[in-house]
Amino acid sequence: MKLFGYWRSSSSWRVRVGLALKGVDYEYIAVHLVEEGGRQHEEGFRKKNPLRQIPVLQWEEEGEVHRLSQSLAILEYLEERFSSPPLLPGSMEQRGRIRQLAEVVNSGIQPLQNLAVMQKLKAESDVDAREWSAYWIRRGLKAYAHMVKDERGDFSIGDDPTLADICLIPQLYNARRFDIDPGDFPRLLSIEEACFEREAFQVSHPDQQPDAVSVKR
């Protein structure tokens, strides 16, 4: 398998965690989102994903190349192909709540802090793009924290990391990049601490990627 991603992309990080938790070997191929106007816009990558976004998971089966984009679609595919350990465990209701939490981040926060969205805001409005995005991050994390405040276990739901935690941890990393103090959400910090006790979250961290660079934010 090949994973096209970017070290600091939260969506790429989600897939890296999923692959690591499942114990799946893969080749990492960096796609720089800023260099030369963004390598994701180059023709070669556009053929892999016309939306010009990462991550993209690529694999070959029976001589045919297959690709998937969109992090949650990739993670659901990995869940079906590699069932252990489960990212969506428990009852139907529990799996629904896990997906709900994942979507709080995936749909309710991440698109509103996306690089392309911020670039568009800066180019076409007087809006402070960082503060605008920070508002939605705070709002989303507050909702997430409320949804898990009565949950038992070390993780968002239960005693092992799920799809929800895979989405939460990269978002907490991004919150700090936007000068948001996650200390306002002690339950989320507790979940984060539990996650980083697992090797999968450690090895998938942006700073551990081959394309990681030293930047201020």
C-alpha atoms as a PDB file:
ATOM      1  CA  MET A   1       0.000   0.000   0.000  1.00  0.00           C
ATOM      2  CA  LYS A   2       1.027   3.603  -0.606  1.00  0.00           C
ATOM      3  CA  LEU A   3      -0.180   6.601   1.368  1.00  0.00           C
ATOM      4  CA  PHE A   4       0.057  10.016  -0.263  1.00  0.00           C
ATOM      5  CA  GLY A   5       0.000  12.568   2.527  1.00  0.00           C
ATOM      6  CA  TYR A   6       1.551  15.557   4.219  1.00  0.00           C
ATOM      7  CA  TRP A   7       3.191  15.500   7.626  1.00  0.00           C
ATOM      8  CA  ARG A   8       1.037  18.192   9.219  1.00  0.00           C
ATOM      9  CA  SER A   9      -2.263  17.313   7.567  1.00  0.00           C
ATOM     10  CA  SER A  10      -4.733  16.171  10.219  1.00  0.00           C
ATOM     11  CA  SER A  11      -6.577  14.029   7.669  1.00  0.00           C
ATOM     12  CA  SER A  12      -3.333  12.288   6.724  1.00  0.00           C
ATOM     13  CA  TRP A  13      -2.523  11.768  10.385  1.00  0.00           C
ATOM     14  CA  ARG A  14      -5.855  10.001  10.915  1.00  0.00           C
ATOM     15  CA  VAL A  15      -5.000   7.455   8.241  1.00  0.00           C
ATOM     16  CA  ARG A  16      -1.480   6.973   9.585  1.00  0.00           C
ATOM     17  CA  VAL A  17      -2.929   6.160  13.000  1.00  0.00           C
ATOM     18  CA  GLY A  18      -5.418   3.722  11.487  1.00  0.00           C
ATOM     19  CA  LEU A  19      -2.709   1.933   9.517  1.00  0.00           C
ATOM     20  CA  ALA A  20      -0.473   1.762  12.582  1.00  0.00           C
ATOM     21  CA  LEU A  21      -3.235   0.442  14.833  1.00  0.00           C
ATOM     22  CA  LYS A  22      -4.066  -2.226  12.275  1.00  0.00           C
ATOM     23  CA  GLY A  23      -0.395  -3.102  11.819  1.00  0.00           C
ATOM     24  CA  VAL A  24      -0.515  -2.491   8.059  1.00  0.00           C
ATOM     25  CA  ASP A  25       2.783  -1.782   6.302  1.00  0.00           C
ATOM     26  CA  TYR A  26       2.743   0.980   3.709  1.00  0.00           C
ATOM     27  CA  GLU A  27       4.969   3.292   1.717  1.00  0.00           C
ATOM     28  CA  TYR A  28       4.620   6.956   2.634  1.00  0.00           C
ATOM     29  CA  ILE A  29       4.771   9.441  -0.248  1.00  0.00           C
ATOM     30  CA  ALA A  30       4.863  13.097   0.761  1.00  0.00           C
ATOM     31  CA  VAL A  31       2.808  15.652  -1.150  1.00  0.00           C
ATOM     32  CA  HIS A  32       3.875  19.147  -0.091  1.00  0.00           C
ATOM     33  CA  LEU A  33       0.796  21.341   0.263  1.00  0.00           C
ATOM     34  CA  VAL A  34       2.649  24.682   0.107  1.00  0.00           C
ATOM     35  CA  GLU A  35       5.808  24.194  -1.965  1.00  0.00           C
ATOM     36  CA  GLU A  36       5.573  25.573  -5.517  1.00  0.00           C
ATOM     37  CA  GLY A  37       1.993  26.640  -4.878  1.00  0.00           C
ATOM     38  CA  GLY A  38       1.058  23.190  -3.569  1.00  0.00           C
ATOM     39  CA  ARG A  39       2.138  19.898  -5.120  1.00  0.00           C
ATOM     40  CA  GLN A  40      -1.434  18.614  -4.807  1.00  0.00           C
ATOM     41  CA  HIS A  41      -2.330  20.828  -7.776  1.00  0.00           C
ATOM     42  CA  GLU A  42       0.153  19.191 -10.116  1.00  0.00           C
ATOM     43  CA  GLU A  43      -1.259  17.115 -12.955  1.00  0.00           C
ATOM     44  CA  GLY A  44       0.253  13.870 -11.698  1.00  0.00           C
ATOM     45  CA  PHE A  45      -1.515  14.131  -8.362  1.00  0.00           C
ATOM     46  CA  ARG A  46      -4.762  15.454  -9.831  1.00  0.00           C
ATOM     47  CA  LYS A  47      -5.061  12.157 -11.680  1.00  0.00           C
ATOM     48  CA  LYS A  48      -4.976  10.406  -8.308  1.00  0.00           C
ATOM     49  CA  ASN A  49      -7.518  12.744  -6.725  1.00  0.00           C
ATOM     50  CA  PRO A  50      -9.341  15.316  -8.877  1.00  0.00           C
ATOM     51  CA  LEU A  51     -10.325  17.198  -5.708  1.00  0.00           C
ATOM     52  CA  ARG A  52      -6.601  17.848  -5.150  1.00  0.00           C
ATOM     53  CA  GLN A  53      -6.682  16.842  -1.520  1.00  0.00           C
ATOM     54  CA  ILE A  54      -4.793  14.402   0.635  1.00  0.00           C
ATOM     55  CA  PRO A  55      -4.691  11.718   1.860  1.00  0.00           C
ATOM     56  CA  VAL A  56      -4.909   9.163  -0.913  1.00  0.00           C
ATOM     57  CA  LEU A  57      -4.461   5.457  -0.230  1.00  0.00           C
ATOM     58  CA  GLN A  58      -3.304   3.396  -3.198  1.00  0.00           C
ATOM     59  CA  TRP A  59      -2.879  -0.342  -3.502  1.00  0.00           C
ATOM     60  CA  GLU A  60      -2.634  -2.989  -6.194  1.00  0.00           C
ATOM     61  CA  GLU A  61      -4.818  -6.062  -6.382  1.00  0.00           C
ATOM     62  CA  GLU A  62      -4.774  -8.678  -9.127  1.00  0.00           C
ATOM     63  CA  GLY A  63      -2.722  -6.358 -11.304  1.00  0.00           C
ATOM     64  CA  GLU A  64      -5.142  -3.445 -10.930  1.00  0.00           C
ATOM     65  CA  VAL A  65      -4.422  -0.174  -9.135  1.00  0.00           C
ATOM     66  CA  HIS A  66      -7.053   1.014  -6.645  1.00  0.00           C
ATOM     67  CA  ARG A  67      -7.258   4.368  -4.878  1.00  0.00           C
ATOM     68  CA  LEU A  68      -9.345   5.895  -2.121  1.00  0.00           C
ATOM     69  CA  SER A  69      -9.406   9.477  -0.906  1.00  0.00           C
ATOM     70  CA  GLN A  70     -11.207  11.078   2.068  1.00  0.00           C
ATOM     71  CA  SER A  71      -9.797   9.960   5.400  1.00  0.00           C
ATOM     72  CA  LEU A  72     -12.970   8.477   6.887  1.00  0.00           C
ATOM     73  CA  ALA A  73     -13.703   6.502   3.730  1.00  0.00           C
ATOM     74  CA  ILE A  74     -10.150   5.139   3.884  1.00  0.00           C
ATOM     75  CA  LEU A  75     -10.494   4.252   7.566  1.00  0.00           C
ATOM     76  CA  GLU A  76     -13.817   2.503   6.983  1.00  0.00           C
ATOM     77  CA  TYR A  77     -12.165   0.518   4.188  1.00  0.00           C
ATOM     78  CA  LEU A  78      -9.302  -0.465   6.496  1.00  0.00           C
ATOM     79  CA  GLU A  79     -11.830  -1.456   9.149  1.00  0.00           C
ATOM     80  CA  GLU A  80     -13.559  -3.813   6.734  1.00  0.00           C
ATOM     81  CA  ARG A  81     -10.359  -5.255   5.304  1.00  0.00           C
ATOM     82  CA  PHE A  82      -8.416  -5.562   8.566  1.00  0.00           C
ATOM     83  CA  SER A  83     -10.945  -6.206  11.294  1.00  0.00           C
ATOM     84  CA  SER A  84      -8.570  -6.326  14.260  1.00  0.00           C
ATOM     85  CA  PRO A  85      -8.301  -4.296  16.349  1.00  0.00           C
ATOM     86  CA  PRO A  86     -11.720  -2.774  15.650  1.00  0.00           C
ATOM     87  CA  LEU A  87     -12.057   0.969  15.168  1.00  0.00           C
ATOM     88  CA  LEU A  88     -15.845   0.663  15.382  1.00  0.00           C
ATOM     89  CA  PRO A  89     -16.487  -1.778  18.249  1.00  0.00           C
ATOM     90  CA  GLY A  90     -19.558  -2.511  20.304  1.00  0.00           C
ATOM     91  CA  SER A  91     -23.262  -2.294  19.634  1.00  0.00           C
ATOM     92  CA  MET A  92     -24.956  -0.592  16.711  1.00  0.00           C
ATOM     93  CA  GLU A  93     -25.762   2.348  18.983  1.00  0.00           C
ATOM     94  CA  GLN A  94     -22.181   2.589  20.216  1.00  0.00           C
ATOM     95  CA  ARG A  95     -20.804   2.530  16.677  1.00  0.00           C
ATOM     96  CA  GLY A  96     -23.247   5.299  15.804  1.00  0.00           C
ATOM     97  CA  ARG A  97     -21.927   7.447  18.656  1.00  0.00           C
ATOM     98  CA  ILE A  98     -18.341   6.806  17.576  1.00  0.00           C
ATOM     99  CA  ARG A  99     -19.184   7.929  14.045  1.00  0.00           C
ATOM    100  CA  GLN A 100     -21.001  10.973  15.448  1.00  0.00           C
ATOM    101  CA  LEU A 101     -17.890  12.084  17.321  1.00  0.00           C
ATOM    102  CA  ALA A 102     -15.702  11.459  14.299  1.00  0.00           C
ATOM    103  CA  GLU A 103     -17.986  13.668  12.210  1.00  0.00           C
ATOM    104  CA  VAL A 104     -17.928  16.467  14.792  1.00  0.00           C
ATOM    105  CA  VAL A 105     -14.271  16.793  13.818  1.00  0.00           C
ATOM    106  CA  ASN A 106     -14.397  15.666  10.200  1.00  0.00           C
ATOM    107  CA  SER A 107     -17.405  17.758   9.149  1.00  0.00           C
ATOM    108  CA  GLY A 108     -17.853  20.294  11.941  1.00  0.00           C
ATOM    109  CA  ILE A 109     -14.281  21.503  12.419  1.00  0.00           C
ATOM    110  CA  GLN A 110     -11.655  20.353   9.952  1.00  0.00           C
ATOM    111  CA  PRO A 111     -13.063  21.817   6.712  1.00  0.00           C
ATOM    112  CA  LEU A 112     -13.283  25.249   8.364  1.00  0.00           C
ATOM    113  CA  GLN A 113      -9.571  25.308   9.181  1.00  0.00           C
ATOM    114  CA  ASN A 114      -8.526  23.782   5.861  1.00  0.00           C
ATOM    115  CA  LEU A 115      -5.575  25.446   4.135  1.00  0.00           C
ATOM    116  CA  ALA A 116      -7.497  26.035   0.903  1.00  0.00           C
ATOM    117  CA  VAL A 117     -10.395  27.651   2.793  1.00  0.00           C
ATOM    118  CA  MET A 118      -8.067  29.941   4.731  1.00  0.00           C
ATOM    119  CA  GLN A 119      -6.208  30.916   1.561  1.00  0.00           C
ATOM    120  CA  LYS A 120      -9.517  31.825  -0.093  1.00  0.00           C
ATOM    121  CA  LEU A 121     -10.599  33.919   2.895  1.00  0.00           C
ATOM    122  CA  LYS A 122      -7.312  35.804   2.934  1.00  0.00           C
ATOM    123  CA  ALA A 123      -7.451  36.448  -0.809  1.00  0.00           C
ATOM    124  CA  GLU A 124     -11.056  37.597  -1.074  1.00  0.00           C
ATOM    125  CA  SER A 125     -12.085  39.135   2.239  1.00  0.00           C
ATOM    126  CA  ASP A 126     -10.923  41.245   5.160  1.00  0.00           C
ATOM    127  CA  VAL A 127     -11.649  38.406   7.564  1.00  0.00           C
ATOM    128  CA  ASP A 128      -8.862  37.311   9.912  1.00  0.00           C
ATOM    129  CA  ALA A 129      -8.678  33.747   8.618  1.00  0.00           C
ATOM    130  CA  ARG A 130      -6.837  32.374  11.665  1.00  0.00           C
ATOM    131  CA  GLU A 131      -9.312  33.799  14.131  1.00  0.00           C
ATOM    132  CA  TRP A 132     -12.238  32.709  11.975  1.00  0.00           C
ATOM    133  CA  SER A 133     -10.955  29.141  11.914  1.00  0.00           C
ATOM    134  CA  ALA A 134     -10.108  29.241  15.613  1.00  0.00           C
ATOM    135  CA  TYR A 135     -13.744  30.094  16.403  1.00  0.00           C
ATOM    136  CA  TRP A 136     -14.952  26.897  14.712  1.00  0.00           C
ATOM    137  CA  ILE A 137     -12.256  24.794  16.363  1.00  0.00           C
ATOM    138  CA  ARG A 138     -13.249  26.016  19.843  1.00  0.00           C
ATOM    139  CA  ARG A 139     -16.924  25.507  19.049  1.00  0.00           C
ATOM    140  CA  GLY A 140     -16.368  21.977  17.812  1.00  0.00           C
ATOM    141  CA  LEU A 141     -14.111  20.905  20.663  1.00  0.00           C
ATOM    142  CA  LYS A 142     -16.623  22.269  23.174  1.00  0.00           C
ATOM    143  CA  ALA A 143     -19.335  20.133  21.552  1.00  0.00           C
ATOM    144  CA  TYR A 144     -17.089  17.059  21.492  1.00  0.00           C
ATOM    145  CA  ALA A 145     -16.178  17.508  25.165  1.00  0.00           C
ATOM    146  CA  HIS A 146     -19.847  17.775  26.087  1.00  0.00           C
ATOM    147  CA  MET A 147     -20.661  14.576  24.201  1.00  0.00           C
ATOM    148  CA  VAL A 148     -18.025  12.524  26.037  1.00  0.00           C
ATOM    149  CA  LYS A 149     -18.244  14.059  29.524  1.00  0.00           C
ATOM    150  CA  ASP A 150     -20.215  11.148  30.956  1.00  0.00           C
ATOM    151  CA  GLU A 151     -18.444   8.382  29.063  1.00  0.00           C
ATOM    152  CA  ARG A 152     -16.516   5.834  31.085  1.00  0.00           C
ATOM    153  CA  GLY A 153     -13.144   4.509  30.048  1.00  0.00           C
ATOM    154  CA  ASP A 154      -9.861   6.135  29.089  1.00  0.00           C
ATOM    155  CA  PHE A 155     -10.848   6.961  25.533  1.00  0.00           C
ATOM    156  CA  SER A 156     -13.715   8.852  23.919  1.00  0.00           C
ATOM    157  CA  ILE A 157     -15.875   5.742  24.107  1.00  0.00           C
ATOM    158  CA  GLY A 158     -14.558   2.680  25.907  1.00  0.00           C
ATOM    159  CA  ASP A 159     -11.141   1.394  26.921  1.00  0.00           C
ATOM    160  CA  ASP A 160      -9.476   1.309  23.508  1.00  0.00           C
ATOM    161  CA  PRO A 161      -8.991   3.910  20.774  1.00  0.00           C
ATOM    162  CA  THR A 162     -11.696   4.115  18.133  1.00  0.00           C
ATOM    163  CA  LEU A 163     -12.414   6.095  14.993  1.00  0.00           C
ATOM    164  CA  ALA A 164     -13.450   8.991  17.239  1.00  0.00           C
ATOM    165  CA  ASP A 165     -10.068   9.228  18.945  1.00  0.00           C
ATOM    166  CA  ILE A 166      -8.296   8.944  15.599  1.00  0.00           C
ATOM    167  CA  CYS A 167     -10.073  12.154  14.570  1.00  0.00           C
ATOM    168  CA  LEU A 168      -9.754  13.931  17.916  1.00  0.00           C
ATOM    169  CA  ILE A 169      -5.997  13.716  18.451  1.00  0.00           C
ATOM    170  CA  PRO A 170      -4.933  15.477  15.220  1.00  0.00           C
ATOM    171  CA  GLN A 171      -7.546  18.133  15.940  1.00  0.00           C
ATOM    172  CA  LEU A 172      -6.066  18.863  19.371  1.00  0.00           C
ATOM    173  CA  TYR A 173      -2.686  19.248  17.679  1.00  0.00           C
ATOM    174  CA  ASN A 174      -4.221  21.764  15.277  1.00  0.00           C
ATOM    175  CA  ALA A 175      -5.981  23.582  18.109  1.00  0.00           C
ATOM    176  CA  ARG A 176      -2.591  24.405  19.605  1.00  0.00           C
ATOM    177  CA  ARG A 177      -1.395  25.646  16.222  1.00  0.00           C
ATOM    178  CA  PHE A 178      -4.281  28.122  16.323  1.00  0.00           C
ATOM    179  CA  ASP A 179      -3.330  29.254  19.854  1.00  0.00           C
ATOM    180  CA  ILE A 180      -6.253  27.450  21.474  1.00  0.00           C
ATOM    181  CA  ASP A 181      -5.521  26.047  24.906  1.00  0.00           C
ATOM    182  CA  PRO A 182      -6.915  22.487  25.149  1.00  0.00           C
ATOM    183  CA  GLY A 183      -6.627  22.906  28.914  1.00  0.00           C
ATOM    184  CA  ASP A 184     -10.141  24.306  28.685  1.00  0.00           C
ATOM    185  CA  PHE A 185     -11.218  20.728  27.914  1.00  0.00           C
ATOM    186  CA  PRO A 186      -9.684  18.496  30.617  1.00  0.00           C
ATOM    187  CA  ARG A 187     -11.597  15.406  29.504  1.00  0.00           C
ATOM    188  CA  LEU A 188     -10.118  15.753  26.025  1.00  0.00           C
ATOM    189  CA  LEU A 189      -6.622  16.116  27.457  1.00  0.00           C
ATOM    190  CA  SER A 190      -7.163  12.926  29.435  1.00  0.00           C
ATOM    191  CA  ILE A 191      -8.144  11.114  26.219  1.00  0.00           C
ATOM    192  CA  GLU A 192      -5.109  12.547  24.467  1.00  0.00           C
ATOM    193  CA  GLU A 193      -2.814  11.273  27.218  1.00  0.00           C
ATOM    194  CA  ALA A 194      -4.305   7.783  26.937  1.00  0.00           C
ATOM    195  CA  CYS A 195      -3.875   7.797  23.168  1.00  0.00           C
ATOM    196  CA  PHE A 196      -0.216   8.752  23.312  1.00  0.00           C
ATOM    197  CA  GLU A 197       0.461   5.785  25.540  1.00  0.00           C
ATOM    198  CA  ARG A 198      -0.215   3.727  22.396  1.00  0.00           C
ATOM    199  CA  GLU A 199       2.657   3.340  19.946  1.00  0.00           C
ATOM    200  CA  ALA A 200       0.371   3.892  16.949  1.00  0.00           C
ATOM    201  CA  PHE A 201      -0.248   7.503  17.966  1.00  0.00           C
ATOM    202  CA  GLN A 202       3.431   8.095  18.696  1.00  0.00           C
ATOM    203  CA  VAL A 203       4.795   6.831  15.367  1.00  0.00           C
ATOM    204  CA  SER A 204       2.094   8.595  13.355  1.00  0.00           C
ATOM    205  CA  HIS A 205       2.728  12.007  14.961  1.00  0.00           C
ATOM    206  CA  PRO A 206       3.586  14.733  12.423  1.00  0.00           C
ATOM    207  CA  ASP A 207       7.030  15.299  13.918  1.00  0.00           C
ATOM    208  CA  GLN A 208       7.918  11.660  13.218  1.00  0.00           C
ATOM    209  CA  GLN A 209       7.211  11.855   9.473  1.00  0.00           C
ATOM    210  CA  PRO A 210      10.025  11.976   6.915  1.00  0.00           C
ATOM    211  CA  ASP A 211       8.741  15.222   5.402  1.00  0.00           C
ATOM    212  CA  ALA A 212       8.411  17.018   8.746  1.00  0.00           C
ATOM    213  CA  VAL A 213      10.030  20.448   8.842  1.00  0.00           C
ATOM    214  CA  SER A 214      10.670  22.926  11.617  1.00  0.00           C
ATOM    215  CA  VAL A 215       8.064  25.687  11.422  1.00  0.00           C
ATOM    216  CA  LYS A 216       6.737  28.299  13.817  1.00  0.00           C
ATOM    217  CA  ARG A 217       3.122  27.196  13.406  1.00  0.00           C
END
